[in-house]
Amino acid sequence: MIKKIVMTGGGTAGHVTPNIALIPALRAEGYDISYIGSYDGIEKRLIEEQNIPYYGIASGKLRRYFDPKNFSDPFKVLKGYRQSVKLLKHLKPDVVFSKGGFVSVPVVLAARHCRIPAIIHESDLTPGLANRIAIPRATKVCCNFPETLSYLPKEKAVLTGSPIRQDLLSGNADAAFSMCGFTEHTKPVILIIGGSSGARSINTAIRGLLPELIKNYNIIHLCGKGNLSPDLDTVSGYAQFEYANRELADMFALASLVISRAGANAICELLALRKLNILIPLPAAASRGDQILNANSFRAQGFSYVLDEDELANTTLLEAIEHVFQKKDAYWSAMKQSQMGNSIETIIGLINSAAEGSH
């Protein structure tokens, strides 16, 4: 008998990429996969590229602040719920897997109504509002951080880590070296990732430091869409790109150190790859503060060096880089001892148990 799963999650790439990482393993297990997302969210294109049937529903955002849309969005959520019930009755999945985001709320509520087990994955250290609404209706809740367990019902919580795209683990360092046009093989490579839209403060700090950095390091700078600096194209030992897609695995393979924001999926990739890293979390003023909590957890576990954005003075970043290379053995040792091993295997096990229990 064919096993069926409905996946959901969207709003940002972070609510979709772990789902995509699970897809090959689900296919290998023989699952027939469908996806429910918003009509035109980022998840639609990403999932359709995977050749998976995609169903769009109405989705409203639940805000903690005043916004005129607060009056209309609850009706969108209700509409999304009714659509989800109808879809689940039509698709008849054995299990629902949710990566969160507001579009997932009506799907998880509908799964409960249809008596279909739902498994949720919470990326951040403290559950976001969408998952807080969905958790009481879930069968199991997967999480990335030991600290998160205290925010979740004991009988539902499982520390799994985040599913990582397996292609990231098999990059070709020589391919990245050639692509970047580097000439000096002896210099360690620093990879800077500022997120899909880039991070102005990080870009400015790196470029201000460039004359110092290229004395000792080759630099790969993923600076975000529209943030290339043409006058730096000829600087030897510096390669800048708006973003990387398939090339990212090769860049990771080449990098000795990664400087990154502290989004949950990004830092779980660094942990899985055992990459030395410096985290510069998005400040609380520009987010709900989750990146600061994520980064502090990784610092406490000995995986990461953390710099606040307002500490990005040239000397501070240089000192951080030197410190991490000096203490590299301690960082590697901590990462190797991490409990978050094969998260895909763990999550597939939970999905299989839930699917079997639904019959």
Protein backbone atom coordinates (compact mmCIF):
# COMPACT_ATOMS: atom_id res chain seq x y z
CA MET A 1 0.00 0.00 0.00
CA ILE A 2 1.34 3.45 -0.94
CA LYS A 3 2.05 5.73 2.02
CA LYS A 4 0.93 9.33 1.59
CA ILE A 5 2.23 12.51 3.22
CA VAL A 6 1.16 16.14 2.96
CA MET A 7 3.90 18.67 3.69
CA THR A 8 3.27 22.32 4.53
CA GLY A 9 5.21 25.42 5.49
CA GLY A 10 6.04 28.71 3.88
CA GLY A 11 6.40 32.45 3.99
CA THR A 12 10.21 32.39 3.95
CA ALA A 13 12.79 30.03 2.42
CA GLY A 14 13.61 28.89 5.97
CA HIS A 15 10.14 27.35 6.20
CA VAL A 16 10.67 25.41 2.97
CA THR A 17 14.30 24.29 2.61
CA PRO A 18 14.14 21.70 5.44
CA ASN A 19 11.07 20.20 3.75
CA ILE A 20 13.01 20.01 0.48
CA ALA A 21 15.88 18.31 2.34
CA LEU A 22 13.46 15.59 3.50
CA ILE A 23 11.97 14.91 0.05
CA PRO A 24 14.63 12.46 -1.30
CA ALA A 25 14.43 10.36 1.88
CA LEU A 26 10.60 10.36 1.79
CA ARG A 27 10.68 9.23 -1.85
CA ALA A 28 13.15 6.49 -0.95
CA GLU A 29 10.68 5.34 1.74
CA GLY A 30 7.95 5.10 -0.89
CA TYR A 31 5.85 8.13 0.11
CA ASP A 32 3.46 9.81 -2.28
CA ILE A 33 4.11 13.52 -1.46
CA SER A 34 1.76 16.50 -1.82
CA TYR A 35 2.34 20.07 -0.60
CA ILE A 36 -0.06 22.70 0.74
CA GLY A 37 1.19 26.28 0.74
CA SER A 38 0.00 29.81 0.05
CA TYR A 39 -1.21 30.90 -3.38
CA ASP A 40 1.92 32.84 -4.30
CA GLY A 41 4.49 32.45 -1.50
CA ILE A 42 8.15 31.60 -2.09
CA GLU A 43 7.30 27.96 -1.34
CA LYS A 44 5.22 27.59 -4.55
CA ARG A 45 8.17 27.95 -6.94
CA LEU A 46 10.57 25.99 -4.72
CA ILE A 47 8.22 23.02 -4.37
CA GLU A 48 7.08 22.96 -8.00
CA GLU A 49 10.78 22.72 -8.97
CA GLN A 50 10.78 19.42 -7.05
CA ASN A 51 7.95 18.06 -9.25
CA ILE A 52 5.58 17.70 -6.32
CA PRO A 53 1.82 18.44 -6.61
CA TYR A 54 1.23 21.85 -5.03
CA TYR A 55 -2.08 23.11 -3.61
CA GLY A 56 -2.50 26.79 -2.74
CA ILE A 57 -4.76 27.97 0.08
CA ALA A 58 -5.75 31.33 1.54
CA SER A 59 -3.40 32.39 4.31
CA GLY A 60 -3.45 35.34 6.67
CA LYS A 61 -0.75 36.55 8.99
CA LEU A 62 -1.29 36.66 12.75
CA ARG A 63 0.29 39.87 14.06
CA ARG A 64 1.10 41.05 17.57
CA TYR A 65 0.84 44.70 16.46
CA PHE A 66 -1.94 46.86 15.03
CA ASP A 67 -2.46 46.61 11.30
CA PRO A 68 -5.68 47.15 9.30
CA LYS A 69 -5.18 43.63 7.85
CA ASN A 70 -5.75 42.24 11.36
CA PHE A 71 -9.48 42.64 10.64
CA SER A 72 -9.44 40.72 7.32
CA ASP A 73 -6.74 38.12 7.90
CA PRO A 74 -8.67 35.98 10.43
CA PHE A 75 -11.23 35.39 7.67
CA LYS A 76 -8.39 34.27 5.36
CA VAL A 77 -7.21 31.82 8.03
CA LEU A 78 -10.75 30.45 8.34
CA LYS A 79 -10.99 30.12 4.57
CA GLY A 80 -7.60 28.38 4.54
CA TYR A 81 -8.82 25.99 7.23
CA ARG A 82 -11.93 25.04 5.23
CA GLN A 83 -9.80 24.58 2.09
CA SER A 84 -7.33 22.42 4.06
CA VAL A 85 -10.07 20.17 5.43
CA LYS A 86 -11.39 19.66 1.89
CA LEU A 87 -7.89 18.96 0.51
CA LEU A 88 -6.98 16.50 3.27
CA LYS A 89 -10.25 14.61 2.77
CA HIS A 90 -9.41 14.43 -0.95
CA LEU A 91 -5.69 13.55 -0.60
CA LYS A 92 -6.17 11.16 2.37
CA PRO A 93 -2.58 11.39 3.70
CA ASP A 94 -1.35 9.07 6.45
CA VAL A 95 0.56 11.95 8.05
CA VAL A 96 1.10 15.74 7.77
CA PHE A 97 4.55 17.30 8.23
CA SER A 98 4.67 21.05 8.96
CA LYS A 99 7.70 23.31 8.86
CA GLY A 100 5.79 26.29 10.24
CA GLY A 101 4.95 29.74 8.93
CA PHE A 102 1.42 31.12 8.97
CA VAL A 103 0.19 29.07 6.01
CA SER A 104 0.81 25.89 8.03
CA VAL A 105 -1.61 26.78 10.86
CA PRO A 106 -4.89 25.97 9.04
CA VAL A 107 -3.32 22.77 7.64
CA VAL A 108 -2.33 21.44 11.08
CA LEU A 109 -5.74 22.41 12.54
CA ALA A 110 -7.44 20.65 9.63
CA ALA A 111 -5.29 17.53 10.18
CA ARG A 112 -6.54 17.38 13.78
CA HIS A 113 -10.13 17.75 12.55
CA CYS A 114 -9.58 14.91 10.04
CA ARG A 115 -7.79 12.77 12.66
CA ILE A 116 -4.54 12.71 10.69
CA PRO A 117 -1.35 12.78 12.79
CA ALA A 118 0.70 15.97 12.31
CA ILE A 119 4.40 16.40 13.03
CA ILE A 120 5.77 19.94 13.41
CA HIS A 121 9.35 21.15 13.09
CA GLU A 122 10.32 24.29 15.05
CA SER A 123 13.59 25.80 13.84
CA ASP A 124 14.13 28.59 16.33
CA LEU A 125 15.00 28.40 20.01
CA THR A 126 11.59 29.70 21.11
CA PRO A 127 8.51 28.68 19.09
CA GLY A 128 7.05 31.36 16.82
CA LEU A 129 3.39 32.36 17.04
CA ALA A 130 2.25 30.08 14.19
CA ASN A 131 3.78 27.00 15.78
CA ARG A 132 2.55 27.97 19.26
CA ILE A 133 -1.00 27.80 17.89
CA ALA A 134 -0.32 24.51 16.09
CA ILE A 135 1.64 22.63 18.81
CA PRO A 136 -1.42 21.57 20.90
CA ARG A 137 -2.83 19.87 17.76
CA ALA A 138 0.44 18.11 16.83
CA THR A 139 1.50 14.53 17.53
CA LYS A 140 5.24 15.31 17.79
CA VAL A 141 7.31 18.52 17.73
CA CYS A 142 10.87 18.39 16.38
CA CYS A 143 13.36 21.08 17.42
CA ASN A 144 16.93 22.26 16.84
CA PHE A 145 18.08 23.42 20.28
CA PRO A 146 18.30 21.66 23.66
CA GLU A 147 16.85 24.83 25.26
CA THR A 148 13.68 24.54 23.13
CA LEU A 149 12.65 21.33 24.92
CA SER A 150 11.61 23.38 27.97
CA TYR A 151 9.09 25.35 25.82
CA LEU A 152 7.39 22.21 24.48
CA PRO A 153 5.10 19.51 25.92
CA LYS A 154 7.45 16.81 27.23
CA GLU A 155 5.60 13.92 25.60
CA LYS A 156 5.74 15.59 22.16
CA ALA A 157 9.23 17.14 22.04
CA VAL A 158 12.09 15.52 20.11
CA LEU A 159 15.54 17.12 19.63
CA THR A 160 16.29 16.32 15.98
CA GLY A 161 18.25 19.20 14.50
CA SER A 162 17.30 20.56 11.10
CA PRO A 163 17.17 18.44 7.93
CA ILE A 164 20.14 19.43 5.76
CA ARG A 165 20.21 19.13 1.96
CA GLN A 166 22.54 16.19 1.40
CA ASP A 167 24.17 17.80 -1.64
CA LEU A 168 25.71 20.38 0.73
CA LEU A 169 27.82 17.59 2.21
CA SER A 170 29.53 16.68 -1.07
CA GLY A 171 30.90 19.93 -2.51
CA ASN A 172 33.99 20.19 -4.72
CA ALA A 173 36.56 22.61 -3.27
CA ASP A 174 38.60 22.74 -6.50
CA ALA A 175 35.52 23.79 -8.49
CA ALA A 176 34.92 26.71 -6.09
CA PHE A 177 38.61 27.71 -6.21
CA SER A 178 38.49 27.91 -10.02
CA MET A 179 35.14 29.71 -10.08
CA CYS A 180 36.43 32.37 -7.69
CA GLY A 181 39.60 32.91 -9.73
CA PHE A 182 41.88 32.52 -6.71
CA THR A 183 45.59 31.98 -7.33
CA GLU A 184 47.08 31.33 -3.88
CA HIS A 185 46.33 27.82 -2.64
CA THR A 186 48.05 28.29 0.72
CA LYS A 187 45.67 30.98 2.05
CA PRO A 188 42.65 29.83 4.11
CA VAL A 189 39.29 30.77 2.58
CA ILE A 190 36.67 32.80 4.49
CA LEU A 191 33.09 32.55 3.20
CA ILE A 192 30.74 35.40 4.15
CA ILE A 193 26.97 34.79 3.93
CA GLY A 194 24.62 37.68 4.74
CA GLY A 195 21.29 36.02 3.91
CA SER A 196 19.30 36.08 0.67
CA SER A 197 18.92 39.88 0.64
CA GLY A 198 22.40 40.51 2.02
CA ALA A 199 23.32 42.39 5.17
CA ARG A 200 24.50 45.95 4.62
CA SER A 201 26.41 46.20 7.90
CA ILE A 202 28.29 42.94 7.23
CA ASN A 203 29.01 43.93 3.61
CA THR A 204 30.34 47.32 4.73
CA ALA A 205 32.52 45.81 7.46
CA ILE A 206 34.01 43.15 5.15
CA ARG A 207 34.78 45.66 2.40
CA GLY A 208 36.28 48.09 4.90
CA LEU A 209 38.52 45.30 6.15
CA LEU A 210 39.41 43.95 2.72
CA PRO A 211 42.98 45.31 2.45
CA GLU A 212 43.80 43.60 5.78
CA LEU A 213 41.87 40.39 5.08
CA ILE A 214 43.39 39.59 1.69
CA LYS A 215 46.90 39.70 3.18
CA ASN A 216 46.22 36.36 4.88
CA TYR A 217 42.96 34.98 3.43
CA ASN A 218 41.04 34.38 0.22
CA ILE A 219 37.53 35.85 0.57
CA ILE A 220 34.25 34.60 -0.93
CA HIS A 221 31.57 37.21 -0.30
CA LEU A 222 27.88 36.41 -0.88
CA CYS A 223 26.63 39.97 -0.58
CA GLY A 224 22.93 39.68 -1.57
CA LYS A 225 20.89 40.81 -4.54
CA GLY A 226 21.88 44.22 -5.90
CA ASN A 227 24.87 44.58 -3.55
CA LEU A 228 27.82 43.84 -5.82
CA SER A 229 30.60 46.44 -5.82
CA PRO A 230 32.06 46.59 -9.38
CA ASP A 231 35.16 48.54 -8.28
CA LEU A 232 36.25 45.47 -6.25
CA ASP A 233 36.04 43.02 -9.17
CA THR A 234 39.77 43.22 -9.84
CA VAL A 235 40.92 42.75 -6.23
CA SER A 236 43.04 39.57 -6.14
CA GLY A 237 41.86 37.07 -3.51
CA TYR A 238 38.33 38.54 -3.32
CA ALA A 239 35.34 36.98 -5.12
CA GLN A 240 31.88 38.52 -4.75
CA PHE A 241 28.52 37.02 -5.76
CA GLU A 242 24.94 38.13 -5.17
CA TYR A 243 24.04 34.63 -3.97
CA ALA A 244 24.94 31.00 -4.58
CA ASN A 245 22.63 28.12 -5.35
CA ARG A 246 24.20 24.84 -6.51
CA GLU A 247 27.67 26.39 -6.11
CA LEU A 248 27.15 26.80 -2.35
CA ALA A 249 28.19 23.19 -1.63
CA ASP A 250 31.49 23.79 -3.44
CA MET A 251 32.05 27.06 -1.55
CA PHE A 252 31.40 25.32 1.77
CA ALA A 253 33.88 22.59 0.83
CA LEU A 254 36.55 25.23 0.12
CA ALA A 255 35.88 27.46 3.15
CA SER A 256 37.97 27.16 6.31
CA LEU A 257 35.75 29.67 8.17
CA VAL A 258 32.20 30.93 7.56
CA ILE A 259 30.86 34.30 8.73
CA SER A 260 27.07 34.14 8.76
CA ARG A 261 23.80 35.45 10.10
CA ALA A 262 22.25 33.14 12.71
CA GLY A 263 19.09 31.85 11.05
CA ALA A 264 18.32 28.39 12.40
CA ASN A 265 18.70 26.50 9.10
CA ALA A 266 21.94 28.29 8.22
CA ILE A 267 23.63 27.49 11.52
CA CYS A 268 22.43 23.87 11.48
CA GLU A 269 24.12 23.55 8.07
CA LEU A 270 27.36 24.89 9.58
CA LEU A 271 27.09 22.36 12.41
CA ALA A 272 26.40 19.46 10.02
CA LEU A 273 29.41 20.50 7.92
CA ARG A 274 31.58 21.03 11.04
CA LYS A 275 32.61 24.47 9.75
CA LEU A 276 34.42 26.99 11.95
CA ASN A 277 32.08 29.96 12.14
CA ILE A 278 31.47 33.48 13.39
CA LEU A 279 27.78 34.34 13.82
CA ILE A 280 26.47 37.89 13.51
CA PRO A 281 22.79 37.60 14.47
CA LEU A 282 20.11 39.91 13.12
CA PRO A 283 19.56 42.54 15.85
CA ALA A 284 16.41 42.39 18.00
CA ALA A 285 15.18 45.67 16.48
CA ALA A 286 15.01 44.00 13.05
CA SER A 287 13.45 40.70 14.18
CA ARG A 288 11.74 38.98 17.10
CA GLY A 289 15.22 38.31 18.53
CA ASP A 290 15.29 34.64 17.52
CA GLN A 291 18.69 34.87 15.79
CA ILE A 292 20.27 36.25 18.97
CA LEU A 293 18.89 33.29 20.96
CA ASN A 294 20.01 30.84 18.26
CA ALA A 295 23.53 32.29 18.23
CA ASN A 296 23.82 32.34 22.02
CA SER A 297 22.82 28.66 22.17
CA PHE A 298 25.53 27.73 19.64
CA ARG A 299 28.06 29.81 21.60
CA ALA A 300 27.05 28.08 24.87
CA GLN A 301 27.47 24.67 23.22
CA GLY A 302 30.95 25.65 22.00
CA PHE A 303 30.09 25.59 18.28
CA SER A 304 30.38 29.30 17.41
CA TYR A 305 31.97 32.67 18.06
CA VAL A 306 29.26 35.35 18.27
CA LEU A 307 29.63 39.04 17.38
CA ASP A 308 26.84 41.59 17.82
CA GLU A 309 26.19 43.69 14.74
CA ASP A 310 27.12 46.89 16.59
CA GLU A 311 30.51 45.35 17.44
CA LEU A 312 31.47 45.05 13.80
CA ALA A 313 34.33 47.52 14.11
CA ASN A 314 37.25 46.47 11.94
CA THR A 315 39.54 45.42 14.78
CA THR A 316 36.82 43.39 16.50
CA LEU A 317 36.09 41.27 13.42
CA LEU A 318 39.79 40.72 12.75
CA GLU A 319 40.34 39.66 16.36
CA ALA A 320 37.35 37.28 16.13
CA ILE A 321 38.75 35.66 12.97
CA GLU A 322 42.19 35.19 14.55
CA HIS A 323 40.65 33.84 17.77
CA VAL A 324 38.55 31.21 15.94
CA PHE A 325 41.54 29.93 13.95
CA GLN A 326 43.63 29.73 17.15
CA LYS A 327 40.89 27.78 18.98
CA LYS A 328 39.82 25.69 15.98
CA ASP A 329 40.44 22.32 17.67
CA ALA A 330 38.11 23.19 20.57
CA TYR A 331 35.34 24.28 18.15
CA TRP A 332 35.69 21.13 16.04
CA SER A 333 35.69 18.92 19.12
CA ALA A 334 32.44 20.51 20.41
CA MET A 335 30.73 20.15 17.02
CA LYS A 336 31.76 16.48 16.72
CA GLN A 337 30.19 15.76 20.12
CA SER A 338 26.86 17.36 19.16
CA GLN A 339 23.78 15.20 19.77
CA MET A 340 22.22 16.42 16.54
CA GLY A 341 23.46 13.73 14.20
CA ASN A 342 21.37 12.47 11.32
CA SER A 343 18.26 14.60 11.66
CA ILE A 344 16.74 13.29 8.42
CA GLU A 345 16.88 9.70 9.71
CA THR A 346 15.34 10.72 13.05
CA ILE A 347 12.51 12.71 11.45
CA ILE A 348 11.73 9.99 8.88
CA GLY A 349 11.47 7.55 11.81
CA LEU A 350 8.91 9.82 13.52
CA ILE A 351 6.95 10.21 10.25
CA ASN A 352 6.89 6.42 9.71
CA SER A 353 5.70 5.79 13.28
CA ALA A 354 2.91 8.38 12.92
CA ALA A 355 1.86 7.02 9.51
CA GLU A 356 1.71 3.44 10.82
CA GLY A 357 -0.23 4.57 13.88
CA SER A 358 -2.87 6.26 11.73
CA HIS A 359 -4.09 2.97 10.22
